């Protein structure tokens, strides 16, 4: 087999994965608190038989997908249980799979009066779940929750050490690492939501560029395949 086909084939696979990530990002442009994903590329040395050929045995691939945690723009909603984090950090949520971090911001109340997320999981305060009785709810910049001027709890807001990479867990949830810190430089804005940190214009331009690169890899593969077929045909005729 023509070993020269391997690099463009590996490139096509990598660009295809990049297209999947970009499409997923663009599809979540209106998802509250969504953080865009970014593929990290790396080069690997292929394990092939025969004498190494310079450049022919080095293949690109997507090593891992990491989130970009830059903050999205804050949007005024006026809804009482909408909260936006202005600064780094996450709320803490109790789920069936254990505690999780959450940045979504659109909160609700269940039949017991507990503050919950869009999936029905309780949002945790410093003393457990926060139960809100009937009345006028106010949430200050430190996360203190009051009803009719009576404090009923305080939202937990945590951040990660600078060297820790956050890991998504689905449904706008994040895995809580072993080490966390209190988010001292983050304020909570009631009646606001954080939009996704996706720039639709830039990501659409990137999508077009990656699509063209993917098509070029496909053409290179097709050309090499056609050349290999021609060589085989010539060999048959001369044989």
C-alpha atoms as a PDB file:
ATOM      1  CA  UNK A   1       0.000   0.000   0.000  1.00  0.00           C
ATOM      2  CA  UNK A   2       1.135   3.586  -0.714  1.00  0.00           C
ATOM      3  CA  UNK A   3       2.325   4.828   2.690  1.00  0.00           C
ATOM      4  CA  UNK A   4       2.025   8.410   1.484  1.00  0.00           C
ATOM      5  CA  UNK A   5      -1.737   8.166   1.907  1.00  0.00           C
ATOM      6  CA  UNK A   6      -1.466   7.849   5.696  1.00  0.00           C
ATOM      7  CA  UNK A   7      -0.698  11.517   6.603  1.00  0.00           C
ATOM      8  CA  UNK A   8      -3.640  13.005   4.616  1.00  0.00           C
ATOM      9  CA  UNK A   9      -5.874  10.219   5.938  1.00  0.00           C
ATOM     10  CA  UNK A  10      -4.874  11.044   9.507  1.00  0.00           C
ATOM     11  CA  UNK A  11      -5.347  14.732   8.706  1.00  0.00           C
ATOM     12  CA  UNK A  12      -8.844  14.095   7.362  1.00  0.00           C
ATOM     13  CA  UNK A  13      -9.797  12.198  10.514  1.00  0.00           C
ATOM     14  CA  UNK A  14      -8.475  15.050  12.685  1.00  0.00           C
ATOM     15  CA  UNK A  15     -10.311  17.704  10.682  1.00  0.00           C
ATOM     16  CA  UNK A  16     -13.494  15.651  10.853  1.00  0.00           C
ATOM     17  CA  UNK A  17     -13.218  15.603  14.657  1.00  0.00           C
ATOM     18  CA  UNK A  18     -12.582  19.357  14.608  1.00  0.00           C
ATOM     19  CA  UNK A  19     -15.746  19.831  12.542  1.00  0.00           C
ATOM     20  CA  UNK A  20     -17.738  17.842  15.099  1.00  0.00           C
ATOM     21  CA  UNK A  21     -16.472  20.049  17.934  1.00  0.00           C
ATOM     22  CA  UNK A  22     -17.161  23.280  16.037  1.00  0.00           C
ATOM     23  CA  UNK A  23     -20.662  22.142  15.069  1.00  0.00           C
ATOM     24  CA  UNK A  24     -21.407  21.226  18.688  1.00  0.00           C
ATOM     25  CA  UNK A  25     -20.161  24.612  19.868  1.00  0.00           C
ATOM     26  CA  UNK A  26     -22.226  26.538  17.336  1.00  0.00           C
ATOM     27  CA  UNK A  27     -25.278  24.454  18.207  1.00  0.00           C
ATOM     28  CA  UNK A  28     -24.949  25.643  21.828  1.00  0.00           C
ATOM     29  CA  UNK A  29     -24.513  29.331  21.077  1.00  0.00           C
ATOM     30  CA  UNK A  30     -27.772  30.105  22.911  1.00  0.00           C
ATOM     31  CA  UNK A  31     -27.216  27.697  25.813  1.00  0.00           C
ATOM     32  CA  UNK A  32     -26.926  29.596  29.084  1.00  0.00           C
ATOM     33  CA  UNK A  33     -23.502  29.221  30.691  1.00  0.00           C
ATOM     34  CA  UNK A  34     -22.143  26.922  27.987  1.00  0.00           C
ATOM     35  CA  UNK A  35     -18.352  26.828  27.619  1.00  0.00           C
ATOM     36  CA  UNK A  36     -16.968  26.090  24.164  1.00  0.00           C
ATOM     37  CA  UNK A  37     -14.748  23.076  23.546  1.00  0.00           C
ATOM     38  CA  UNK A  38     -11.363  23.188  21.869  1.00  0.00           C
ATOM     39  CA  UNK A  39      -9.485  20.200  20.425  1.00  0.00           C
ATOM     40  CA  UNK A  40      -5.799  19.857  21.256  1.00  0.00           C
ATOM     41  CA  UNK A  41      -3.812  18.437  18.352  1.00  0.00           C
ATOM     42  CA  UNK A  42      -0.714  16.317  18.663  1.00  0.00           C
ATOM     43  CA  UNK A  43       1.600  14.370  16.371  1.00  0.00           C
ATOM     44  CA  UNK A  44       2.248  10.659  16.745  1.00  0.00           C
ATOM     45  CA  UNK A  45       4.789   8.364  15.152  1.00  0.00           C
ATOM     46  CA  UNK A  46       3.038   5.660  13.203  1.00  0.00           C
ATOM     47  CA  UNK A  47       3.981   2.032  13.688  1.00  0.00           C
ATOM     48  CA  UNK A  48       4.382   0.741  10.151  1.00  0.00           C
ATOM     49  CA  UNK A  49       6.510  -1.908   8.545  1.00  0.00           C
ATOM     50  CA  UNK A  50       9.354  -0.988   6.282  1.00  0.00           C
ATOM     51  CA  UNK A  51      12.077   1.654   6.316  1.00  0.00           C
ATOM     52  CA  UNK A  52      11.013   5.001   7.883  1.00  0.00           C
ATOM     53  CA  UNK A  53      10.382   7.765   5.361  1.00  0.00           C
ATOM     54  CA  UNK A  54      10.955  11.335   6.519  1.00  0.00           C
ATOM     55  CA  UNK A  55       7.611  12.940   7.341  1.00  0.00           C
ATOM     56  CA  UNK A  56       5.590   9.962   6.144  1.00  0.00           C
ATOM     57  CA  UNK A  57       5.315   8.255   9.518  1.00  0.00           C
ATOM     58  CA  UNK A  58       4.255  11.330  11.513  1.00  0.00           C
ATOM     59  CA  UNK A  59       0.489  11.578  11.834  1.00  0.00           C
ATOM     60  CA  UNK A  60      -1.673  14.372  13.324  1.00  0.00           C
ATOM     61  CA  UNK A  61      -4.514  13.497  15.652  1.00  0.00           C
ATOM     62  CA  UNK A  62      -6.813  15.101  18.202  1.00  0.00           C
ATOM     63  CA  UNK A  63      -5.251  14.260  21.550  1.00  0.00           C
ATOM     64  CA  UNK A  64      -8.017  15.593  23.813  1.00  0.00           C
ATOM     65  CA  UNK A  65     -10.868  18.062  24.019  1.00  0.00           C
ATOM     66  CA  UNK A  66     -10.595  20.827  26.613  1.00  0.00           C
ATOM     67  CA  UNK A  67     -13.105  23.550  27.536  1.00  0.00           C
ATOM     68  CA  UNK A  68     -12.409  27.248  27.211  1.00  0.00           C
ATOM     69  CA  UNK A  69     -13.654  28.684  30.501  1.00  0.00           C
ATOM     70  CA  UNK A  70     -13.595  32.361  29.532  1.00  0.00           C
ATOM     71  CA  UNK A  71     -16.664  34.143  30.836  1.00  0.00           C
ATOM     72  CA  UNK A  72     -19.613  34.826  28.570  1.00  0.00           C
ATOM     73  CA  UNK A  73     -21.507  38.119  28.449  1.00  0.00           C
ATOM     74  CA  UNK A  74     -24.082  38.761  31.190  1.00  0.00           C
ATOM     75  CA  UNK A  75     -27.670  39.322  30.109  1.00  0.00           C
ATOM     76  CA  UNK A  76     -30.396  41.014  32.141  1.00  0.00           C
ATOM     77  CA  UNK A  77     -33.533  38.888  32.592  1.00  0.00           C
ATOM     78  CA  UNK A  78     -35.219  40.297  35.689  1.00  0.00           C
ATOM     79  CA  UNK A  79     -36.225  36.795  36.779  1.00  0.00           C
ATOM     80  CA  UNK A  80     -35.817  36.293  40.540  1.00  0.00           C
ATOM     81  CA  UNK A  81     -34.090  32.896  40.402  1.00  0.00           C
ATOM     82  CA  UNK A  82     -31.778  33.719  37.519  1.00  0.00           C
ATOM     83  CA  UNK A  83     -28.225  34.138  38.827  1.00  0.00           C
ATOM     84  CA  UNK A  84     -25.058  34.899  36.905  1.00  0.00           C
ATOM     85  CA  UNK A  85     -21.543  34.418  38.252  1.00  0.00           C
ATOM     86  CA  UNK A  86     -19.406  37.439  37.490  1.00  0.00           C
ATOM     87  CA  UNK A  87     -15.917  35.960  37.693  1.00  0.00           C
ATOM     88  CA  UNK A  88     -14.462  32.450  37.850  1.00  0.00           C
ATOM     89  CA  UNK A  89     -16.142  29.631  39.723  1.00  0.00           C
ATOM     90  CA  UNK A  90     -19.176  27.403  39.922  1.00  0.00           C
ATOM     91  CA  UNK A  91     -22.258  26.774  42.009  1.00  0.00           C
ATOM     92  CA  UNK A  92     -22.388  23.389  43.756  1.00  0.00           C
ATOM     93  CA  UNK A  93     -25.192  20.923  43.013  1.00  0.00           C
ATOM     94  CA  UNK A  94     -26.167  17.598  44.568  1.00  0.00           C
ATOM     95  CA  UNK A  95     -26.877  14.929  41.922  1.00  0.00           C
ATOM     96  CA  UNK A  96     -27.488  11.191  41.884  1.00  0.00           C
ATOM     97  CA  UNK A  97     -23.849  10.780  40.780  1.00  0.00           C
ATOM     98  CA  UNK A  98     -22.482  12.918  43.603  1.00  0.00           C
ATOM     99  CA  UNK A  99     -21.863  16.644  43.945  1.00  0.00           C
ATOM    100  CA  UNK A 100     -21.206  18.551  40.746  1.00  0.00           C
ATOM    101  CA  UNK A 101     -20.237  22.073  39.752  1.00  0.00           C
ATOM    102  CA  UNK A 102     -22.758  24.104  37.767  1.00  0.00           C
ATOM    103  CA  UNK A 103     -22.560  27.357  35.834  1.00  0.00           C
ATOM    104  CA  UNK A 104     -25.977  27.390  34.137  1.00  0.00           C
ATOM    105  CA  UNK A 105     -27.596  29.989  36.369  1.00  0.00           C
ATOM    106  CA  UNK A 106     -31.291  29.454  35.579  1.00  0.00           C
ATOM    107  CA  UNK A 107     -32.692  28.087  38.838  1.00  0.00           C
ATOM    108  CA  UNK A 108     -36.130  26.928  39.963  1.00  0.00           C
ATOM    109  CA  UNK A 109     -38.007  25.735  43.057  1.00  0.00           C
ATOM    110  CA  UNK A 110     -39.390  22.242  43.601  1.00  0.00           C
ATOM    111  CA  UNK A 111     -42.559  21.356  45.518  1.00  0.00           C
ATOM    112  CA  UNK A 112     -40.617  21.491  48.793  1.00  0.00           C
ATOM    113  CA  UNK A 113     -39.354  24.994  48.124  1.00  0.00           C
ATOM    114  CA  UNK A 114     -35.765  23.897  47.496  1.00  0.00           C
ATOM    115  CA  UNK A 115     -33.725  25.779  44.908  1.00  0.00           C
ATOM    116  CA  UNK A 116     -32.969  23.369  42.058  1.00  0.00           C
ATOM    117  CA  UNK A 117     -31.386  23.296  38.602  1.00  0.00           C
ATOM    118  CA  UNK A 118     -33.074  22.630  35.259  1.00  0.00           C
ATOM    119  CA  UNK A 119     -32.648  18.880  35.880  1.00  0.00           C
ATOM    120  CA  UNK A 120     -34.263  18.989  39.328  1.00  0.00           C
ATOM    121  CA  UNK A 121     -31.044  18.670  41.350  1.00  0.00           C
ATOM    122  CA  UNK A 122     -30.780  20.712  44.578  1.00  0.00           C
ATOM    123  CA  UNK A 123     -28.381  23.653  44.573  1.00  0.00           C
ATOM    124  CA  UNK A 124     -26.253  23.506  47.700  1.00  0.00           C
ATOM    125  CA  UNK A 125     -25.585  26.272  50.155  1.00  0.00           C
ATOM    126  CA  UNK A 126     -22.988  26.343  52.894  1.00  0.00           C
ATOM    127  CA  UNK A 127     -25.364  24.342  55.119  1.00  0.00           C
ATOM    128  CA  UNK A 128     -26.854  21.979  52.544  1.00  0.00           C
ATOM    129  CA  UNK A 129     -29.794  22.527  50.197  1.00  0.00           C
ATOM    130  CA  UNK A 130     -31.533  25.910  50.364  1.00  0.00           C
ATOM    131  CA  UNK A 131     -35.279  25.915  51.086  1.00  0.00           C
ATOM    132  CA  UNK A 132     -37.071  29.094  50.180  1.00  0.00           C
ATOM    133  CA  UNK A 133     -40.450  29.827  51.849  1.00  0.00           C
ATOM    134  CA  UNK A 134     -43.084  31.992  50.145  1.00  0.00           C
ATOM    135  CA  UNK A 135     -42.135  35.646  49.954  1.00  0.00           C
ATOM    136  CA  UNK A 136     -39.849  38.093  48.187  1.00  0.00           C
ATOM    137  CA  UNK A 137     -36.557  36.388  47.346  1.00  0.00           C
ATOM    138  CA  UNK A 138     -33.337  38.375  47.216  1.00  0.00           C
ATOM    139  CA  UNK A 139     -29.849  37.057  46.421  1.00  0.00           C
ATOM    140  CA  UNK A 140     -26.959  39.409  47.122  1.00  0.00           C
ATOM    141  CA  UNK A 141     -23.554  39.548  45.438  1.00  0.00           C
ATOM    142  CA  UNK A 142     -22.093  37.157  48.031  1.00  0.00           C
ATOM    143  CA  UNK A 143     -24.758  34.534  47.341  1.00  0.00           C
ATOM    144  CA  UNK A 144     -26.742  35.169  50.501  1.00  0.00           C
ATOM    145  CA  UNK A 145     -30.389  34.196  49.944  1.00  0.00           C
ATOM    146  CA  UNK A 146     -33.057  36.120  51.849  1.00  0.00           C
ATOM    147  CA  UNK A 147     -36.842  35.939  51.924  1.00  0.00           C
ATOM    148  CA  UNK A 148     -38.663  39.021  53.197  1.00  0.00           C
ATOM    149  CA  UNK A 149     -35.305  40.267  54.561  1.00  0.00           C
ATOM    150  CA  UNK A 150     -34.697  37.031  56.498  1.00  0.00           C
ATOM    151  CA  UNK A 151     -31.580  35.052  55.511  1.00  0.00           C
ATOM    152  CA  UNK A 152     -32.390  31.408  54.619  1.00  0.00           C
ATOM    153  CA  UNK A 153     -29.038  30.289  53.224  1.00  0.00           C
ATOM    154  CA  UNK A 154     -25.960  31.172  51.203  1.00  0.00           C
ATOM    155  CA  UNK A 155     -24.952  29.700  47.852  1.00  0.00           C
ATOM    156  CA  UNK A 156     -21.654  27.829  47.715  1.00  0.00           C
ATOM    157  CA  UNK A 157     -19.392  29.236  45.036  1.00  0.00           C
ATOM    158  CA  UNK A 158     -16.163  27.357  44.374  1.00  0.00           C
ATOM    159  CA  UNK A 159     -13.312  27.764  41.947  1.00  0.00           C
ATOM    160  CA  UNK A 160     -10.434  25.533  40.858  1.00  0.00           C
ATOM    161  CA  UNK A 161      -6.699  25.891  41.446  1.00  0.00           C
ATOM    162  CA  UNK A 162      -4.956  27.583  38.477  1.00  0.00           C
ATOM    163  CA  UNK A 163      -3.271  24.339  37.377  1.00  0.00           C
ATOM    164  CA  UNK A 164      -6.508  22.306  37.305  1.00  0.00           C
ATOM    165  CA  UNK A 165      -8.335  21.786  34.013  1.00  0.00           C
ATOM    166  CA  UNK A 166     -12.138  21.624  34.467  1.00  0.00           C
ATOM    167  CA  UNK A 167     -13.890  18.531  33.121  1.00  0.00           C
ATOM    168  CA  UNK A 168     -17.440  18.548  31.793  1.00  0.00           C
ATOM    169  CA  UNK A 169     -19.964  16.024  33.102  1.00  0.00           C
ATOM    170  CA  UNK A 170     -22.915  16.826  30.801  1.00  0.00           C
ATOM    171  CA  UNK A 171     -26.112  18.869  31.375  1.00  0.00           C
ATOM    172  CA  UNK A 172     -23.966  21.954  32.081  1.00  0.00           C
ATOM    173  CA  UNK A 173     -22.422  20.095  35.028  1.00  0.00           C
ATOM    174  CA  UNK A 174     -18.710  19.779  35.787  1.00  0.00           C
ATOM    175  CA  UNK A 175     -16.711  17.200  37.733  1.00  0.00           C
ATOM    176  CA  UNK A 176     -15.547  18.532  41.099  1.00  0.00           C
ATOM    177  CA  UNK A 177     -11.801  17.861  41.495  1.00  0.00           C
ATOM    178  CA  UNK A 178     -10.198  16.846  44.766  1.00  0.00           C
ATOM    179  CA  UNK A 179      -8.970  20.351  45.430  1.00  0.00           C
ATOM    180  CA  UNK A 180     -11.246  23.396  45.243  1.00  0.00           C
ATOM    181  CA  UNK A 181     -11.094  26.938  46.536  1.00  0.00           C
ATOM    182  CA  UNK A 182     -13.662  29.453  47.722  1.00  0.00           C
ATOM    183  CA  UNK A 183     -14.357  31.880  44.866  1.00  0.00           C
ATOM    184  CA  UNK A 184     -13.453  35.096  46.689  1.00  0.00           C
ATOM    185  CA  UNK A 185     -13.247  37.255  43.533  1.00  0.00           C
ATOM    186  CA  UNK A 186     -16.618  36.244  42.114  1.00  0.00           C
ATOM    187  CA  UNK A 187     -19.888  38.094  42.623  1.00  0.00           C
ATOM    188  CA  UNK A 188     -23.420  36.820  42.038  1.00  0.00           C
ATOM    189  CA  UNK A 189     -25.791  38.908  39.956  1.00  0.00           C
ATOM    190  CA  UNK A 190     -29.485  38.222  40.603  1.00  0.00           C
ATOM    191  CA  UNK A 191     -31.858  38.621  37.673  1.00  0.00           C
ATOM    192  CA  UNK A 192     -29.119  37.982  35.126  1.00  0.00           C
ATOM    193  CA  UNK A 193     -27.783  35.038  33.125  1.00  0.00           C
ATOM    194  CA  UNK A 194     -24.400  34.318  31.612  1.00  0.00           C
ATOM    195  CA  UNK A 195     -24.550  33.667  27.895  1.00  0.00           C
ATOM    196  CA  UNK A 196     -22.325  31.092  26.211  1.00  0.00           C
ATOM    197  CA  UNK A 197     -18.752  32.184  25.520  1.00  0.00           C
ATOM    198  CA  UNK A 198     -19.072  31.301  21.838  1.00  0.00           C
ATOM    199  CA  UNK A 199     -18.400  33.949  19.192  1.00  0.00           C
ATOM    200  CA  UNK A 200     -20.719  32.839  16.344  1.00  0.00           C
ATOM    201  CA  UNK A 201     -18.975  34.955  13.702  1.00  0.00           C
ATOM    202  CA  UNK A 202     -15.466  33.715  14.467  1.00  0.00           C
ATOM    203  CA  UNK A 203     -16.577  30.115  14.889  1.00  0.00           C
ATOM    204  CA  UNK A 204     -18.458  30.171  11.566  1.00  0.00           C
ATOM    205  CA  UNK A 205     -15.318  31.454   9.832  1.00  0.00           C
ATOM    206  CA  UNK A 206     -13.322  28.695  11.520  1.00  0.00           C
ATOM    207  CA  UNK A 207     -15.936  26.141  10.449  1.00  0.00           C
ATOM    208  CA  UNK A 208     -15.564  27.202   6.814  1.00  0.00           C
ATOM    209  CA  UNK A 209     -11.754  27.056   6.991  1.00  0.00           C
ATOM    210  CA  UNK A 210     -11.754  23.600   8.562  1.00  0.00           C
ATOM    211  CA  UNK A 211     -14.341  22.351   6.038  1.00  0.00           C
ATOM    212  CA  UNK A 212     -12.104  23.457   3.171  1.00  0.00           C
ATOM    213  CA  UNK A 213      -9.051  21.832   4.754  1.00  0.00           C
ATOM    214  CA  UNK A 214     -11.032  18.615   5.228  1.00  0.00           C
ATOM    215  CA  UNK A 215     -12.058  18.669   1.559  1.00  0.00           C
ATOM    216  CA  UNK A 216      -8.415  19.164   0.536  1.00  0.00           C
ATOM    217  CA  UNK A 217      -7.408  16.097   2.555  1.00  0.00           C
ATOM    218  CA  UNK A 218     -10.151  14.115   0.843  1.00  0.00           C
ATOM    219  CA  UNK A 219      -8.930  15.247  -2.580  1.00  0.00           C
ATOM    220  CA  UNK A 220      -5.348  14.281  -1.696  1.00  0.00           C
ATOM    221  CA  UNK A 221      -6.510  10.814  -0.620  1.00  0.00           C
ATOM    222  CA  UNK A 222      -8.545  10.429  -3.808  1.00  0.00           C
ATOM    223  CA  UNK A 223      -5.603  11.552  -5.973  1.00  0.00           C
ATOM    224  CA  UNK A 224      -3.202   9.096  -4.315  1.00  0.00           C
ATOM    225  CA  UNK A 225      -5.734   6.326  -4.661  1.00  0.00           C
ATOM    226  CA  UNK A 226      -6.156   7.066  -8.375  1.00  0.00           C
ATOM    227  CA  UNK A 227      -2.370   7.139  -8.895  1.00  0.00           C
ATOM    228  CA  UNK A 228      -2.027   3.798  -7.116  1.00  0.00           C
ATOM    229  CA  UNK A 229      -4.733   2.336  -9.384  1.00  0.00           C
ATOM    230  CA  UNK A 230      -2.938   3.638 -12.487  1.00  0.00           C
ATOM    231  CA  UNK A 231       0.363   2.107 -11.331  1.00  0.00           C
ATOM    232  CA  UNK A 232      -1.380  -1.237 -10.795  1.00  0.00           C
ATOM    233  CA  UNK A 233      -2.952  -1.077 -14.263  1.00  0.00           C
ATOM    234  CA  UNK A 234       0.404  -0.275 -15.892  1.00  0.00           C
ATOM    235  CA  UNK A 235       2.064  -3.121 -14.033  1.00  0.00           C
ATOM    236  CA  UNK A 236      -0.614  -5.522 -15.244  1.00  0.00           C
ATOM    237  CA  UNK A 237      -0.229  -4.405 -18.866  1.00  0.00           C
ATOM    238  CA  UNK A 238       3.576  -4.669 -18.780  1.00  0.00           C
ATOM    239  CA  UNK A 239       3.425  -7.969 -16.939  1.00  0.00           C
END
